[in-house]
Amino acid sequence: MDKQLTYKDAGVDTKEGERAVKLMKDHVKATFNENVLADIGGFGGLFRAPVEGMKEPVLVSGTDGVGTKLKIAFDLDKHDTVGIDLVAMCVNDVLCQGATPLFFLDYIATGKVTAEKIADIVSGVAEGCRQSGCALIGGETAEMPGFYGEDEYDMAGFAVGIVDKENIITGENIKEGDVIIGLPSSGIHSNGYSLVRKVFEGEDDVELKKELLVPTKIYAKECAAVRGLKVNGIVHITGGGFYENVPRVLPEGIAASVDMGSWPILPIFMRVQLSGGIETREMFSTFNMGVGMMMFVDPEDAPAALEKIKAEGGQAYVIGRTVAENGEKVIINE
């Protein structure tokens, strides 16, 4: 061959990748705390586990992605919030076990590395970590020409938290009469977007797309506020909505009875339902419907839980109670 091929000729620009690392460095380091033991650029992230005062420290991990919500980011060419979604989808799961988030790692794969875009994405990941109180201690950016389009990317990540074994929340202590506290969502969060995009296919409303891109709420402060109270179960309402997620924590013989109208359902859900002609049960089977997280709390501790959440600047609503199961694990009272 007359020409000697290079990696760049094949579509991988390592210099642009190095520039992306430099641009994201400040965002990443802003999440560091005293437990981070290595700087950016090592082969592994080092984190000292804060186990003081714990009898049996247990690590809790969660992994997830953002899903087809990324298509909305592509359409708007806005990439600085999807990283919050990524962290939220992992951290909120870890919080359900009663854990305190410790650290996070991300993975971004794209057809073509553009340093500024990657830095924007990572700035969102860093913001999600700040909201969660965890450190972003590592990650990977993979340039994969021919596998992804030049303007496309996908992302995944995982979070690790810690909890004393005696304080793990499993749902096994949920009993009839427990109060169900709903924590409001910021919108559709990061689930159900294949249906959402089908409903609004061909829609060019920029304001609608901005609404659909609102990042997932992270519930770290709310969960920290209720530690020490009798919280018997926590549910992160993700894909599958109420009907799939709530039963995951309910013991045999117990159902959740939820009262519509006890919390505000955001207008975006009504727009999706009306535009798509979607039945109410399907909406509750797909979306969070304005409740991003549920807590099952002992009745005597419910008032204190509401007060502590609000004291931290959060919102919370009593949306129902647990009842004896009679055919359905989740009952929506319209």
C-alpha atoms as a PDB file:
ATOM      1  CA  MET A   1       0.000   0.000   0.000  1.00  0.00           C
ATOM      2  CA  ASP A   2       1.230   3.495  -0.840  1.00  0.00           C
ATOM      3  CA  LYS A   3      -0.390   5.013   2.247  1.00  0.00           C
ATOM      4  CA  GLN A   4       0.289   3.799   5.765  1.00  0.00           C
ATOM      5  CA  LEU A   5      -3.070   3.627   7.537  1.00  0.00           C
ATOM      6  CA  THR A   6      -3.508   5.070  11.019  1.00  0.00           C
ATOM      7  CA  TYR A   7      -6.121   4.571  13.720  1.00  0.00           C
ATOM      8  CA  LYS A   8      -7.480   8.019  12.814  1.00  0.00           C
ATOM      9  CA  ASP A   9      -7.961   6.877   9.212  1.00  0.00           C
ATOM     10  CA  ALA A  10     -10.206   4.129  10.619  1.00  0.00           C
ATOM     11  CA  GLY A  11     -12.324   6.744  12.400  1.00  0.00           C
ATOM     12  CA  VAL A  12     -10.807   6.764  15.905  1.00  0.00           C
ATOM     13  CA  ASP A  13      -9.203  10.057  16.955  1.00  0.00           C
ATOM     14  CA  THR A  14      -7.224   9.400  20.137  1.00  0.00           C
ATOM     15  CA  LYS A  15      -6.086  13.040  20.331  1.00  0.00           C
ATOM     16  CA  GLU A  16      -9.717  14.205  20.447  1.00  0.00           C
ATOM     17  CA  GLY A  17     -10.308  11.652  23.170  1.00  0.00           C
ATOM     18  CA  GLU A  18      -7.433  13.117  25.176  1.00  0.00           C
ATOM     19  CA  ARG A  19      -8.900  16.599  24.697  1.00  0.00           C
ATOM     20  CA  ALA A  20     -12.277  15.339  25.963  1.00  0.00           C
ATOM     21  CA  VAL A  21     -10.599  14.084  29.147  1.00  0.00           C
ATOM     22  CA  LYS A  22      -9.017  17.496  29.724  1.00  0.00           C
ATOM     23  CA  LEU A  23     -12.351  19.273  29.241  1.00  0.00           C
ATOM     24  CA  MET A  24     -14.230  16.964  31.629  1.00  0.00           C
ATOM     25  CA  LYS A  25     -11.543  16.918  34.327  1.00  0.00           C
ATOM     26  CA  ASP A  26     -12.879  19.846  36.375  1.00  0.00           C
ATOM     27  CA  HIS A  27     -16.423  18.418  36.364  1.00  0.00           C
ATOM     28  CA  VAL A  28     -15.170  15.064  37.621  1.00  0.00           C
ATOM     29  CA  LYS A  29     -12.852  16.448  40.307  1.00  0.00           C
ATOM     30  CA  ALA A  30     -15.691  18.582  41.679  1.00  0.00           C
ATOM     31  CA  THR A  31     -17.343  15.338  42.869  1.00  0.00           C
ATOM     32  CA  PHE A  32     -14.289  14.089  44.788  1.00  0.00           C
ATOM     33  CA  ASN A  33     -14.251  13.825  48.574  1.00  0.00           C
ATOM     34  CA  GLU A  34     -11.767  12.648  51.193  1.00  0.00           C
ATOM     35  CA  ASN A  35     -12.475   8.997  50.366  1.00  0.00           C
ATOM     36  CA  VAL A  36     -11.272   9.234  46.751  1.00  0.00           C
ATOM     37  CA  LEU A  37      -7.709   7.928  46.683  1.00  0.00           C
ATOM     38  CA  ALA A  38      -6.758   8.263  43.003  1.00  0.00           C
ATOM     39  CA  ASP A  39      -6.777  11.030  40.427  1.00  0.00           C
ATOM     40  CA  ILE A  40      -8.328  10.841  36.966  1.00  0.00           C
ATOM     41  CA  GLY A  41      -6.475   8.693  34.446  1.00  0.00           C
ATOM     42  CA  GLY A  42      -5.654   5.567  36.411  1.00  0.00           C
ATOM     43  CA  PHE A  43      -6.684   2.078  35.363  1.00  0.00           C
ATOM     44  CA  GLY A  44      -9.057   1.789  38.308  1.00  0.00           C
ATOM     45  CA  GLY A  45     -10.869   4.102  40.682  1.00  0.00           C
ATOM     46  CA  LEU A  46      -9.820   3.887  44.328  1.00  0.00           C
ATOM     47  CA  PHE A  47     -12.297   4.642  47.092  1.00  0.00           C
ATOM     48  CA  ARG A  48     -11.914   4.171  50.837  1.00  0.00           C
ATOM     49  CA  ALA A  49     -15.154   2.734  52.236  1.00  0.00           C
ATOM     50  CA  PRO A  50     -16.431   4.751  55.236  1.00  0.00           C
ATOM     51  CA  VAL A  51     -17.316   1.831  57.548  1.00  0.00           C
ATOM     52  CA  GLU A  52     -16.774   3.513  60.913  1.00  0.00           C
ATOM     53  CA  GLY A  53     -19.635   2.791  63.300  1.00  0.00           C
ATOM     54  CA  MET A  54     -21.045  -0.036  61.196  1.00  0.00           C
ATOM     55  CA  LYS A  55     -21.326  -3.543  62.613  1.00  0.00           C
ATOM     56  CA  GLU A  56     -21.589  -5.350  59.269  1.00  0.00           C
ATOM     57  CA  PRO A  57     -21.083  -2.987  56.328  1.00  0.00           C
ATOM     58  CA  VAL A  58     -22.690  -4.218  53.113  1.00  0.00           C
ATOM     59  CA  LEU A  59     -22.026  -2.835  49.628  1.00  0.00           C
ATOM     60  CA  VAL A  60     -25.072  -2.240  47.439  1.00  0.00           C
ATOM     61  CA  SER A  61     -24.679  -1.819  43.668  1.00  0.00           C
ATOM     62  CA  GLY A  62     -26.951  -0.762  40.831  1.00  0.00           C
ATOM     63  CA  THR A  63     -26.475  -0.415  37.080  1.00  0.00           C
ATOM     64  CA  ASP A  64     -28.598   1.081  34.316  1.00  0.00           C
ATOM     65  CA  GLY A  65     -28.660   3.302  31.239  1.00  0.00           C
ATOM     66  CA  VAL A  66     -30.750   6.196  29.953  1.00  0.00           C
ATOM     67  CA  GLY A  67     -32.577   4.383  27.156  1.00  0.00           C
ATOM     68  CA  THR A  68     -34.215   5.976  24.146  1.00  0.00           C
ATOM     69  CA  LYS A  69     -34.613   9.290  25.961  1.00  0.00           C
ATOM     70  CA  LEU A  70     -31.215   9.918  24.386  1.00  0.00           C
ATOM     71  CA  LYS A  71     -33.004  10.335  21.040  1.00  0.00           C
ATOM     72  CA  ILE A  72     -34.597  13.507  22.434  1.00  0.00           C
ATOM     73  CA  ALA A  73     -31.151  14.806  23.384  1.00  0.00           C
ATOM     74  CA  PHE A  74     -29.959  14.086  19.842  1.00  0.00           C
ATOM     75  CA  ASP A  75     -32.929  15.978  18.357  1.00  0.00           C
ATOM     76  CA  LEU A  76     -32.312  19.041  20.534  1.00  0.00           C
ATOM     77  CA  ASP A  77     -28.511  18.729  20.400  1.00  0.00           C
ATOM     78  CA  LYS A  78     -28.563  19.175  24.181  1.00  0.00           C
ATOM     79  CA  HIS A  79     -26.347  16.793  26.121  1.00  0.00           C
ATOM     80  CA  ASP A  80     -25.706  18.312  29.559  1.00  0.00           C
ATOM     81  CA  THR A  81     -28.639  16.718  31.435  1.00  0.00           C
ATOM     82  CA  VAL A  82     -28.769  13.074  30.306  1.00  0.00           C
ATOM     83  CA  GLY A  83     -25.875  12.335  32.648  1.00  0.00           C
ATOM     84  CA  ILE A  84     -28.142  13.269  35.560  1.00  0.00           C
ATOM     85  CA  ASP A  85     -30.613  10.679  34.273  1.00  0.00           C
ATOM     86  CA  LEU A  86     -27.863   8.081  34.151  1.00  0.00           C
ATOM     87  CA  VAL A  87     -26.822   8.634  37.747  1.00  0.00           C
ATOM     88  CA  ALA A  88     -30.425   8.836  38.937  1.00  0.00           C
ATOM     89  CA  MET A  89     -31.425   5.513  37.411  1.00  0.00           C
ATOM     90  CA  CYS A  90     -28.605   3.772  39.277  1.00  0.00           C
ATOM     91  CA  VAL A  91     -28.525   5.715  42.541  1.00  0.00           C
ATOM     92  CA  ASN A  92     -32.294   5.664  43.115  1.00  0.00           C
ATOM     93  CA  ASP A  93     -32.188   1.855  42.962  1.00  0.00           C
ATOM     94  CA  VAL A  94     -29.387   1.735  45.532  1.00  0.00           C
ATOM     95  CA  LEU A  95     -31.324   4.084  47.811  1.00  0.00           C
ATOM     96  CA  CYS A  96     -34.221   1.612  47.874  1.00  0.00           C
ATOM     97  CA  GLN A  97     -32.075  -0.770  49.939  1.00  0.00           C
ATOM     98  CA  GLY A  98     -31.361   1.899  52.537  1.00  0.00           C
ATOM     99  CA  ALA A  99     -27.829   2.499  51.274  1.00  0.00           C
ATOM    100  CA  THR A 100     -25.810   5.704  51.194  1.00  0.00           C
ATOM    101  CA  PRO A 101     -24.307   6.251  47.703  1.00  0.00           C
ATOM    102  CA  LEU A 102     -20.514   6.185  47.665  1.00  0.00           C
ATOM    103  CA  PHE A 103     -19.222   6.334  44.103  1.00  0.00           C
ATOM    104  CA  PHE A 104     -20.206   6.103  40.446  1.00  0.00           C
ATOM    105  CA  LEU A 105     -18.582   5.060  37.154  1.00  0.00           C
ATOM    106  CA  ASP A 106     -19.853   5.769  33.646  1.00  0.00           C
ATOM    107  CA  TYR A 107     -19.399   4.365  30.142  1.00  0.00           C
ATOM    108  CA  ILE A 108     -20.065   6.382  26.985  1.00  0.00           C
ATOM    109  CA  ALA A 109     -19.894   4.846  23.501  1.00  0.00           C
ATOM    110  CA  THR A 110     -20.136   6.996  20.385  1.00  0.00           C
ATOM    111  CA  GLY A 111     -19.529   6.889  16.660  1.00  0.00           C
ATOM    112  CA  LYS A 112     -17.275   9.935  16.767  1.00  0.00           C
ATOM    113  CA  VAL A 113     -15.715  11.613  19.775  1.00  0.00           C
ATOM    114  CA  THR A 114     -16.304  15.353  19.901  1.00  0.00           C
ATOM    115  CA  ALA A 115     -14.545  16.654  22.968  1.00  0.00           C
ATOM    116  CA  GLU A 116     -17.059  19.379  23.784  1.00  0.00           C
ATOM    117  CA  LYS A 117     -20.028  16.998  23.525  1.00  0.00           C
ATOM    118  CA  ILE A 118     -18.387  14.371  25.725  1.00  0.00           C
ATOM    119  CA  ALA A 119     -17.528  17.051  28.269  1.00  0.00           C
ATOM    120  CA  ASP A 120     -21.174  18.203  28.246  1.00  0.00           C
ATOM    121  CA  ILE A 121     -22.363  14.653  28.864  1.00  0.00           C
ATOM    122  CA  VAL A 122     -19.907  14.149  31.722  1.00  0.00           C
ATOM    123  CA  SER A 123     -20.867  17.499  33.253  1.00  0.00           C
ATOM    124  CA  GLY A 124     -24.363  16.049  33.663  1.00  0.00           C
ATOM    125  CA  VAL A 125     -22.977  12.864  35.206  1.00  0.00           C
ATOM    126  CA  ALA A 126     -20.979  14.998  37.650  1.00  0.00           C
ATOM    127  CA  GLU A 127     -24.064  17.036  38.518  1.00  0.00           C
ATOM    128  CA  GLY A 128     -25.997  13.831  39.193  1.00  0.00           C
ATOM    129  CA  CYS A 129     -23.191  12.680  41.474  1.00  0.00           C
ATOM    130  CA  ARG A 130     -23.248  15.984  43.350  1.00  0.00           C
ATOM    131  CA  GLN A 131     -27.006  15.650  43.840  1.00  0.00           C
ATOM    132  CA  SER A 132     -26.461  12.085  45.089  1.00  0.00           C
ATOM    133  CA  GLY A 133     -23.554  12.897  47.376  1.00  0.00           C
ATOM    134  CA  CYS A 134     -21.291  10.398  45.630  1.00  0.00           C
ATOM    135  CA  ALA A 135     -17.982  10.663  43.802  1.00  0.00           C
ATOM    136  CA  LEU A 136     -17.412  10.080  40.099  1.00  0.00           C
ATOM    137  CA  ILE A 137     -14.227   8.022  40.369  1.00  0.00           C
ATOM    138  CA  GLY A 138     -13.881   6.603  36.863  1.00  0.00           C
ATOM    139  CA  GLY A 139     -15.348   6.021  33.449  1.00  0.00           C
ATOM    140  CA  GLU A 140     -14.715   5.083  29.853  1.00  0.00           C
ATOM    141  CA  THR A 141     -15.331   6.776  26.520  1.00  0.00           C
ATOM    142  CA  ALA A 142     -15.320   4.415  23.536  1.00  0.00           C
ATOM    143  CA  GLU A 143     -15.156   5.682  19.951  1.00  0.00           C
ATOM    144  CA  MET A 144     -16.810   3.063  17.735  1.00  0.00           C
ATOM    145  CA  PRO A 145     -17.090   4.243  14.098  1.00  0.00           C
ATOM    146  CA  GLY A 146     -19.389   2.130  11.978  1.00  0.00           C
ATOM    147  CA  PHE A 147     -21.195   0.832  15.048  1.00  0.00           C
ATOM    148  CA  TYR A 148     -22.853   4.115  16.061  1.00  0.00           C
ATOM    149  CA  GLY A 149     -23.642   7.077  13.835  1.00  0.00           C
ATOM    150  CA  GLU A 150     -21.287  10.044  14.155  1.00  0.00           C
ATOM    151  CA  ASP A 151     -23.842  12.082  16.119  1.00  0.00           C
ATOM    152  CA  GLU A 152     -25.099   9.176  18.233  1.00  0.00           C
ATOM    153  CA  TYR A 153     -24.002   7.754  21.545  1.00  0.00           C
ATOM    154  CA  ASP A 154     -25.180   5.417  24.265  1.00  0.00           C
ATOM    155  CA  MET A 155     -24.309   5.470  27.926  1.00  0.00           C
ATOM    156  CA  ALA A 156     -24.434   3.212  30.953  1.00  0.00           C
ATOM    157  CA  GLY A 157     -23.145   3.381  34.482  1.00  0.00           C
ATOM    158  CA  PHE A 158     -23.161   1.864  37.901  1.00  0.00           C
ATOM    159  CA  ALA A 159     -23.349   3.110  41.469  1.00  0.00           C
ATOM    160  CA  VAL A 160     -22.080   1.578  44.681  1.00  0.00           C
ATOM    161  CA  GLY A 161     -23.477   2.418  48.112  1.00  0.00           C
ATOM    162  CA  ILE A 162     -23.073   1.122  51.650  1.00  0.00           C
ATOM    163  CA  VAL A 163     -25.465   0.137  54.432  1.00  0.00           C
ATOM    164  CA  ASP A 164     -25.143  -1.629  57.764  1.00  0.00           C
ATOM    165  CA  LYS A 165     -26.640  -5.094  57.397  1.00  0.00           C
ATOM    166  CA  GLU A 166     -29.157  -4.510  60.191  1.00  0.00           C
ATOM    167  CA  ASN A 167     -30.484  -1.449  58.356  1.00  0.00           C
ATOM    168  CA  ILE A 168     -31.033  -3.017  54.912  1.00  0.00           C
ATOM    169  CA  ILE A 169     -34.527  -2.295  53.606  1.00  0.00           C
ATOM    170  CA  THR A 170     -36.038  -5.281  51.812  1.00  0.00           C
ATOM    171  CA  GLY A 171     -39.816  -4.870  52.090  1.00  0.00           C
ATOM    172  CA  GLU A 172     -40.184  -8.030  54.163  1.00  0.00           C
ATOM    173  CA  ASN A 173     -41.431  -5.975  57.130  1.00  0.00           C
ATOM    174  CA  ILE A 174     -44.233  -4.294  55.186  1.00  0.00           C
ATOM    175  CA  LYS A 175     -47.535  -5.088  56.859  1.00  0.00           C
ATOM    176  CA  GLU A 176     -51.211  -4.291  56.429  1.00  0.00           C
ATOM    177  CA  GLY A 177     -51.930  -0.685  57.361  1.00  0.00           C
ATOM    178  CA  ASP A 178     -48.543   0.777  56.486  1.00  0.00           C
ATOM    179  CA  VAL A 179     -48.739   4.308  55.090  1.00  0.00           C
ATOM    180  CA  ILE A 180     -47.606   4.782  51.490  1.00  0.00           C
ATOM    181  CA  ILE A 181     -45.722   8.039  50.982  1.00  0.00           C
ATOM    182  CA  GLY A 182     -45.231   9.210  47.412  1.00  0.00           C
ATOM    183  CA  LEU A 183     -42.280  11.380  46.397  1.00  0.00           C
ATOM    184  CA  PRO A 184     -43.100  13.432  43.312  1.00  0.00           C
ATOM    185  CA  SER A 185     -41.244  12.926  40.058  1.00  0.00           C
ATOM    186  CA  SER A 186     -39.795  15.706  37.919  1.00  0.00           C
ATOM    187  CA  GLY A 187     -41.516  14.308  34.833  1.00  0.00           C
ATOM    188  CA  ILE A 188     -41.362  11.114  32.809  1.00  0.00           C
ATOM    189  CA  HIS A 189     -37.846  10.451  34.124  1.00  0.00           C
ATOM    190  CA  SER A 190     -36.086   7.840  31.919  1.00  0.00           C
ATOM    191  CA  ASN A 191     -38.652   5.146  31.222  1.00  0.00           C
ATOM    192  CA  GLY A 192     -41.363   4.622  28.643  1.00  0.00           C
ATOM    193  CA  TYR A 193     -39.689   6.715  25.953  1.00  0.00           C
ATOM    194  CA  SER A 194     -40.245   4.172  23.211  1.00  0.00           C
ATOM    195  CA  LEU A 195     -43.977   4.711  23.758  1.00  0.00           C
ATOM    196  CA  VAL A 196     -43.555   8.469  24.182  1.00  0.00           C
ATOM    197  CA  ARG A 197     -41.644   8.763  20.915  1.00  0.00           C
ATOM    198  CA  LYS A 198     -44.303   6.657  19.179  1.00  0.00           C
ATOM    199  CA  VAL A 199     -47.033   8.977  20.474  1.00  0.00           C
ATOM    200  CA  PHE A 200     -45.223  12.128  19.336  1.00  0.00           C
ATOM    201  CA  GLU A 201     -43.693  10.723  16.148  1.00  0.00           C
ATOM    202  CA  GLY A 202     -43.132  13.554  13.657  1.00  0.00           C
ATOM    203  CA  GLU A 203     -43.814  16.224  16.310  1.00  0.00           C
ATOM    204  CA  ASP A 204     -41.524  19.244  15.940  1.00  0.00           C
ATOM    205  CA  ASP A 205     -42.590  21.122  19.080  1.00  0.00           C
ATOM    206  CA  VAL A 206     -39.304  22.202  20.662  1.00  0.00           C
ATOM    207  CA  GLU A 207     -40.923  23.101  23.989  1.00  0.00           C
ATOM    208  CA  LEU A 208     -42.455  19.643  24.183  1.00  0.00           C
ATOM    209  CA  LYS A 209     -39.055  18.059  23.575  1.00  0.00           C
ATOM    210  CA  LYS A 210     -37.518  20.231  26.295  1.00  0.00           C
ATOM    211  CA  GLU A 211     -40.205  18.982  28.679  1.00  0.00           C
ATOM    212  CA  LEU A 212     -39.444  15.401  27.705  1.00  0.00           C
ATOM    213  CA  LEU A 213     -35.746  15.996  28.396  1.00  0.00           C
ATOM    214  CA  VAL A 214     -36.234  17.170  32.016  1.00  0.00           C
ATOM    215  CA  PRO A 215     -33.812  15.011  34.018  1.00  0.00           C
ATOM    216  CA  THR A 216     -34.794  12.289  36.460  1.00  0.00           C
ATOM    217  CA  LYS A 217     -35.116  13.377  40.079  1.00  0.00           C
ATOM    218  CA  ILE A 218     -32.613  11.929  42.532  1.00  0.00           C
ATOM    219  CA  TYR A 219     -34.018  11.094  45.974  1.00  0.00           C
ATOM    220  CA  ALA A 220     -30.833  10.950  48.059  1.00  0.00           C
ATOM    221  CA  LYS A 221     -31.826  13.768  50.441  1.00  0.00           C
ATOM    222  CA  GLU A 222     -35.309  12.403  50.994  1.00  0.00           C
ATOM    223  CA  CYS A 223     -34.017   8.913  51.762  1.00  0.00           C
ATOM    224  CA  ALA A 224     -31.337  10.251  54.099  1.00  0.00           C
ATOM    225  CA  ALA A 225     -33.968  12.292  55.927  1.00  0.00           C
ATOM    226  CA  VAL A 226     -36.006   9.243  56.967  1.00  0.00           C
ATOM    227  CA  ARG A 227     -33.128   7.054  58.156  1.00  0.00           C
ATOM    228  CA  GLY A 228     -33.811   5.936  61.699  1.00  0.00           C
ATOM    229  CA  LEU A 229     -37.570   5.812  61.157  1.00  0.00           C
ATOM    230  CA  LYS A 230     -39.545   2.634  60.501  1.00  0.00           C
ATOM    231  CA  VAL A 231     -39.376   2.651  56.721  1.00  0.00           C
ATOM    232  CA  ASN A 232     -40.311  -0.889  55.744  1.00  0.00           C
ATOM    233  CA  GLY A 233     -39.952  -0.630  51.981  1.00  0.00           C
ATOM    234  CA  ILE A 234     -38.880   1.758  49.233  1.00  0.00           C
ATOM    235  CA  VAL A 235     -39.778   1.481  45.556  1.00  0.00           C
ATOM    236  CA  HIS A 236     -38.207   3.296  42.619  1.00  0.00           C
ATOM    237  CA  ILE A 237     -40.927   3.646  39.967  1.00  0.00           C
ATOM    238  CA  THR A 238     -39.138   2.880  36.710  1.00  0.00           C
ATOM    239  CA  GLY A 239     -40.062   0.901  33.577  1.00  0.00           C
ATOM    240  CA  GLY A 240     -43.219  -1.076  34.240  1.00  0.00           C
ATOM    241  CA  GLY A 241     -44.729   1.728  36.295  1.00  0.00           C
ATOM    242  CA  PHE A 242     -46.750   0.972  39.417  1.00  0.00           C
ATOM    243  CA  TYR A 243     -47.909  -2.493  38.427  1.00  0.00           C
ATOM    244  CA  GLU A 244     -44.462  -4.026  37.938  1.00  0.00           C
ATOM    245  CA  ASN A 245     -42.318  -2.147  40.459  1.00  0.00           C
ATOM    246  CA  VAL A 246     -44.467  -1.986  43.589  1.00  0.00           C
ATOM    247  CA  PRO A 247     -44.976  -5.780  43.875  1.00  0.00           C
ATOM    248  CA  ARG A 248     -41.199  -6.241  43.971  1.00  0.00           C
ATOM    249  CA  VAL A 249     -41.150  -5.209  47.656  1.00  0.00           C
ATOM    250  CA  LEU A 250     -44.550  -6.426  48.865  1.00  0.00           C
ATOM    251  CA  PRO A 251     -44.648  -9.562  51.023  1.00  0.00           C
ATOM    252  CA  GLU A 252     -47.067 -12.351  50.252  1.00  0.00           C
ATOM    253  CA  GLY A 253     -50.628 -11.449  51.205  1.00  0.00           C
ATOM    254  CA  ILE A 254     -50.088  -7.674  51.103  1.00  0.00           C
ATOM    255  CA  ALA A 255     -51.272  -5.260  48.401  1.00  0.00           C
ATOM    256  CA  ALA A 256     -50.794  -1.523  47.858  1.00  0.00           C
ATOM    257  CA  SER A 257     -53.974   0.552  47.642  1.00  0.00           C
ATOM    258  CA  VAL A 258     -53.216   3.901  45.998  1.00  0.00           C
ATOM    259  CA  ASP A 259     -55.623   6.845  45.721  1.00  0.00           C
ATOM    260  CA  MET A 260     -55.530   8.891  42.521  1.00  0.00           C
ATOM    261  CA  GLY A 261     -55.921  12.555  43.309  1.00  0.00           C
ATOM    262  CA  SER A 262     -53.751  12.357  46.418  1.00  0.00           C
ATOM    263  CA  TRP A 263     -50.752  13.687  44.510  1.00  0.00           C
ATOM    264  CA  PRO A 264     -50.392  16.060  41.534  1.00  0.00           C
ATOM    265  CA  ILE A 265     -50.103  14.313  38.165  1.00  0.00           C
ATOM    266  CA  LEU A 266     -47.987  16.499  35.911  1.00  0.00           C
ATOM    267  CA  PRO A 267     -49.579  17.793  32.676  1.00  0.00           C
ATOM    268  CA  ILE A 268     -47.046  15.943  30.512  1.00  0.00           C
ATOM    269  CA  PHE A 269     -48.646  12.631  31.488  1.00  0.00           C
ATOM    270  CA  MET A 270     -52.080  13.859  30.483  1.00  0.00           C
ATOM    271  CA  ARG A 271     -50.703  15.068  27.163  1.00  0.00           C
ATOM    272  CA  VAL A 272     -49.128  11.669  26.492  1.00  0.00           C
ATOM    273  CA  GLN A 273     -52.345   9.849  27.430  1.00  0.00           C
ATOM    274  CA  LEU A 274     -54.649  12.055  25.358  1.00  0.00           C
ATOM    275  CA  SER A 275     -52.339  12.265  22.343  1.00  0.00           C
ATOM    276  CA  GLY A 276     -51.849   8.514  22.278  1.00  0.00           C
ATOM    277  CA  GLY A 277     -55.344   7.446  23.290  1.00  0.00           C
ATOM    278  CA  ILE A 278     -53.774   5.365  26.069  1.00  0.00           C
ATOM    279  CA  GLU A 279     -55.879   3.644  28.723  1.00  0.00           C
ATOM    280  CA  THR A 280     -55.276   4.646  32.342  1.00  0.00           C
ATOM    281  CA  ARG A 281     -54.092   1.172  33.359  1.00  0.00           C
ATOM    282  CA  GLU A 282     -51.532   1.214  30.535  1.00  0.00           C
ATOM    283  CA  MET A 283     -50.291   4.599  31.747  1.00  0.00           C
ATOM    284  CA  PHE A 284     -49.782   3.204  35.259  1.00  0.00           C
ATOM    285  CA  SER A 285     -48.144   0.122  33.737  1.00  0.00           C
ATOM    286  CA  THR A 286     -45.576   2.193  31.836  1.00  0.00           C
ATOM    287  CA  PHE A 287     -44.919   5.518  33.568  1.00  0.00           C
ATOM    288  CA  ASN A 288     -44.308   6.852  37.077  1.00  0.00           C
ATOM    289  CA  MET A 289     -47.406   9.090  36.742  1.00  0.00           C
ATOM    290  CA  GLY A 290     -45.862  11.781  38.916  1.00  0.00           C
ATOM    291  CA  VAL A 291     -44.581   9.490  41.690  1.00  0.00           C
ATOM    292  CA  GLY A 292     -40.899   8.696  41.257  1.00  0.00           C
ATOM    293  CA  MET A 293     -40.468   6.858  44.534  1.00  0.00           C
ATOM    294  CA  MET A 294     -42.730   5.296  47.177  1.00  0.00           C
ATOM    295  CA  MET A 295     -41.977   4.664  50.821  1.00  0.00           C
ATOM    296  CA  PHE A 296     -43.896   2.172  52.958  1.00  0.00           C
ATOM    297  CA  VAL A 297     -43.783   3.575  56.474  1.00  0.00           C
ATOM    298  CA  ASP A 298     -45.038   2.379  59.829  1.00  0.00           C
ATOM    299  CA  PRO A 299     -48.185   4.456  60.663  1.00  0.00           C
ATOM    300  CA  GLU A 300     -46.678   5.854  63.865  1.00  0.00           C
ATOM    301  CA  ASP A 301     -43.639   7.158  61.952  1.00  0.00           C
ATOM    302  CA  ALA A 302     -45.458   8.516  58.902  1.00  0.00           C
ATOM    303  CA  PRO A 303     -45.976  12.071  60.270  1.00  0.00           C
ATOM    304  CA  ALA A 304     -42.298  12.318  61.208  1.00  0.00           C
ATOM    305  CA  ALA A 305     -41.253  11.031  57.770  1.00  0.00           C
ATOM    306  CA  LEU A 306     -43.334  13.680  56.016  1.00  0.00           C
ATOM    307  CA  GLU A 307     -41.963  16.394  58.306  1.00  0.00           C
ATOM    308  CA  LYS A 308     -38.323  15.358  57.860  1.00  0.00           C
ATOM    309  CA  ILE A 309     -38.614  15.162  54.064  1.00  0.00           C
ATOM    310  CA  LYS A 310     -40.166  18.611  53.911  1.00  0.00           C
ATOM    311  CA  ALA A 311     -37.508  19.965  56.276  1.00  0.00           C
ATOM    312  CA  GLU A 312     -34.927  18.931  53.674  1.00  0.00           C
ATOM    313  CA  GLY A 313     -36.769  20.905  51.003  1.00  0.00           C
ATOM    314  CA  GLY A 314     -38.492  17.863  49.502  1.00  0.00           C
ATOM    315  CA  GLN A 315     -42.135  17.168  48.813  1.00  0.00           C
ATOM    316  CA  ALA A 316     -44.082  14.133  49.956  1.00  0.00           C
ATOM    317  CA  TYR A 317     -47.709  12.999  49.883  1.00  0.00           C
ATOM    318  CA  VAL A 318     -49.671  10.271  51.628  1.00  0.00           C
ATOM    319  CA  ILE A 319     -50.995   8.412  48.588  1.00  0.00           C
ATOM    320  CA  GLY A 320     -52.447   5.251  50.115  1.00  0.00           C
ATOM    321  CA  ARG A 321     -52.055   2.326  52.484  1.00  0.00           C
ATOM    322  CA  THR A 322     -51.219  -1.329  52.359  1.00  0.00           C
ATOM    323  CA  VAL A 323     -54.164  -3.741  52.553  1.00  0.00           C
ATOM    324  CA  ALA A 324     -54.741  -7.481  52.572  1.00  0.00           C
ATOM    325  CA  GLU A 325     -54.208  -8.840  49.082  1.00  0.00           C
ATOM    326  CA  ASN A 326     -57.360  -9.789  47.245  1.00  0.00           C
ATOM    327  CA  GLY A 327     -56.379 -10.727  43.720  1.00  0.00           C
ATOM    328  CA  GLU A 328     -54.217  -7.709  42.760  1.00  0.00           C
ATOM    329  CA  LYS A 329     -50.953  -6.544  44.310  1.00  0.00           C
ATOM    330  CA  VAL A 330     -51.587  -2.928  43.233  1.00  0.00           C
ATOM    331  CA  ILE A 331     -54.999  -1.269  43.463  1.00  0.00           C
ATOM    332  CA  ILE A 332     -55.459   2.153  41.844  1.00  0.00           C
ATOM    333  CA  ASN A 333     -58.524   3.906  43.291  1.00  0.00           C
ATOM    334  CA  GLU A 334     -59.811   6.435  40.760  1.00  0.00           C
END
